[in-house]
Amino acid sequence: MEAVAAAFIRHDPHMIYEAYLRVYENGCRIADIRTRDGRFYFTFQDPDGNVFMVSETF
């Protein structure tokens, strides 16, 4: 998840893609993507059902 956060902080589409592939390969899935008040919110779910969110200002 650190790689996902770093990719969004850098606003680097290639890094975002690579970070998501690593998360996906570890069994996590994007459960939801939303925007609100100038922020992106990505909600991930891990294989155990735990849900966590990454947000980024755009």
C-alpha atoms as a PDB file:
ATOM      1  CA  MET A   1       0.000   0.000   0.000  1.00  0.00           C
ATOM      2  CA  GLU A   2       2.960   2.319   0.501  1.00  0.00           C
ATOM      3  CA  ALA A   3       3.679   2.051  -3.223  1.00  0.00           C
ATOM      4  CA  VAL A   4       0.060   2.962  -4.048  1.00  0.00           C
ATOM      5  CA  ALA A   5       0.183   6.028  -1.821  1.00  0.00           C
ATOM      6  CA  ALA A   6       3.566   7.113  -3.226  1.00  0.00           C
ATOM      7  CA  ALA A   7       2.312   6.719  -6.798  1.00  0.00           C
ATOM      8  CA  PHE A   8      -0.694   8.928  -6.149  1.00  0.00           C
ATOM      9  CA  ILE A   9       1.396  11.531  -4.358  1.00  0.00           C
ATOM     10  CA  ARG A  10       3.620  11.723  -7.450  1.00  0.00           C
ATOM     11  CA  HIS A  11       0.588  11.775  -9.792  1.00  0.00           C
ATOM     12  CA  ASP A  12       2.392   9.172 -11.899  1.00  0.00           C
ATOM     13  CA  PRO A  13      -0.004   6.979 -13.934  1.00  0.00           C
ATOM     14  CA  HIS A  14       2.650   4.334 -14.650  1.00  0.00           C
ATOM     15  CA  MET A  15       3.570   4.051 -10.960  1.00  0.00           C
ATOM     16  CA  ILE A  16      -0.145   3.847 -10.047  1.00  0.00           C
ATOM     17  CA  TYR A  17      -0.618   1.008 -12.531  1.00  0.00           C
ATOM     18  CA  GLU A  18       2.445  -0.897 -11.302  1.00  0.00           C
ATOM     19  CA  ALA A  19       1.473  -0.427  -7.654  1.00  0.00           C
ATOM     20  CA  TYR A  20      -2.066  -1.641  -8.313  1.00  0.00           C
ATOM     21  CA  LEU A  21      -0.743  -4.753 -10.095  1.00  0.00           C
ATOM     22  CA  ARG A  22       1.338  -5.605  -7.017  1.00  0.00           C
ATOM     23  CA  VAL A  23      -1.675  -5.106  -4.728  1.00  0.00           C
ATOM     24  CA  TYR A  24      -3.840  -7.216  -7.067  1.00  0.00           C
ATOM     25  CA  GLU A  25      -1.258 -10.011  -7.200  1.00  0.00           C
ATOM     26  CA  ASN A  26      -1.429 -10.160  -3.393  1.00  0.00           C
ATOM     27  CA  GLY A  27      -5.173 -10.769  -3.492  1.00  0.00           C
ATOM     28  CA  CYS A  28      -6.520  -7.261  -2.875  1.00  0.00           C
ATOM     29  CA  ARG A  29      -9.260  -5.795  -5.036  1.00  0.00           C
ATOM     30  CA  ILE A  30     -10.551  -2.271  -5.532  1.00  0.00           C
ATOM     31  CA  ALA A  31     -13.972  -2.242  -3.891  1.00  0.00           C
ATOM     32  CA  ASP A  32     -14.859   1.370  -4.759  1.00  0.00           C
ATOM     33  CA  ILE A  33     -13.484   4.542  -6.364  1.00  0.00           C
ATOM     34  CA  ARG A  34     -15.036   7.916  -5.594  1.00  0.00           C
ATOM     35  CA  THR A  35     -14.272  11.606  -5.883  1.00  0.00           C
ATOM     36  CA  ARG A  36     -15.439  14.255  -3.476  1.00  0.00           C
ATOM     37  CA  ASP A  37     -14.321  17.803  -2.793  1.00  0.00           C
ATOM     38  CA  GLY A  38     -11.252  17.490  -5.020  1.00  0.00           C
ATOM     39  CA  ARG A  39     -10.102  14.136  -3.608  1.00  0.00           C
ATOM     40  CA  PHE A  40      -9.977  10.612  -5.008  1.00  0.00           C
ATOM     41  CA  TYR A  41     -10.941   7.818  -2.605  1.00  0.00           C
ATOM     42  CA  PHE A  42      -9.924   4.251  -3.418  1.00  0.00           C
ATOM     43  CA  THR A  43     -11.316   1.520  -1.198  1.00  0.00           C
ATOM     44  CA  PHE A  44      -9.494  -1.815  -1.276  1.00  0.00           C
ATOM     45  CA  GLN A  45     -10.520  -5.182   0.115  1.00  0.00           C
ATOM     46  CA  ASP A  46      -7.945  -7.800   1.080  1.00  0.00           C
ATOM     47  CA  PRO A  47      -8.448 -11.590   0.827  1.00  0.00           C
ATOM     48  CA  ASP A  48      -9.610 -11.720   4.467  1.00  0.00           C
ATOM     49  CA  GLY A  49     -12.362  -9.187   3.806  1.00  0.00           C
ATOM     50  CA  ASN A  50     -10.636  -6.244   5.506  1.00  0.00           C
ATOM     51  CA  VAL A  51     -11.389  -2.914   3.842  1.00  0.00           C
ATOM     52  CA  PHE A  52      -9.045   0.073   3.728  1.00  0.00           C
ATOM     53  CA  MET A  53      -9.021   3.399   1.931  1.00  0.00           C
ATOM     54  CA  VAL A  54      -6.394   5.474   0.142  1.00  0.00           C
ATOM     55  CA  SER A  55      -7.198   9.091  -0.679  1.00  0.00           C
ATOM     56  CA  GLU A  56      -5.394  11.661  -2.798  1.00  0.00           C
ATOM     57  CA  THR A  57      -6.008  15.290  -3.655  1.00  0.00           C
ATOM     58  CA  PHE A  58      -6.088  16.073  -7.360  1.00  0.00           C
END
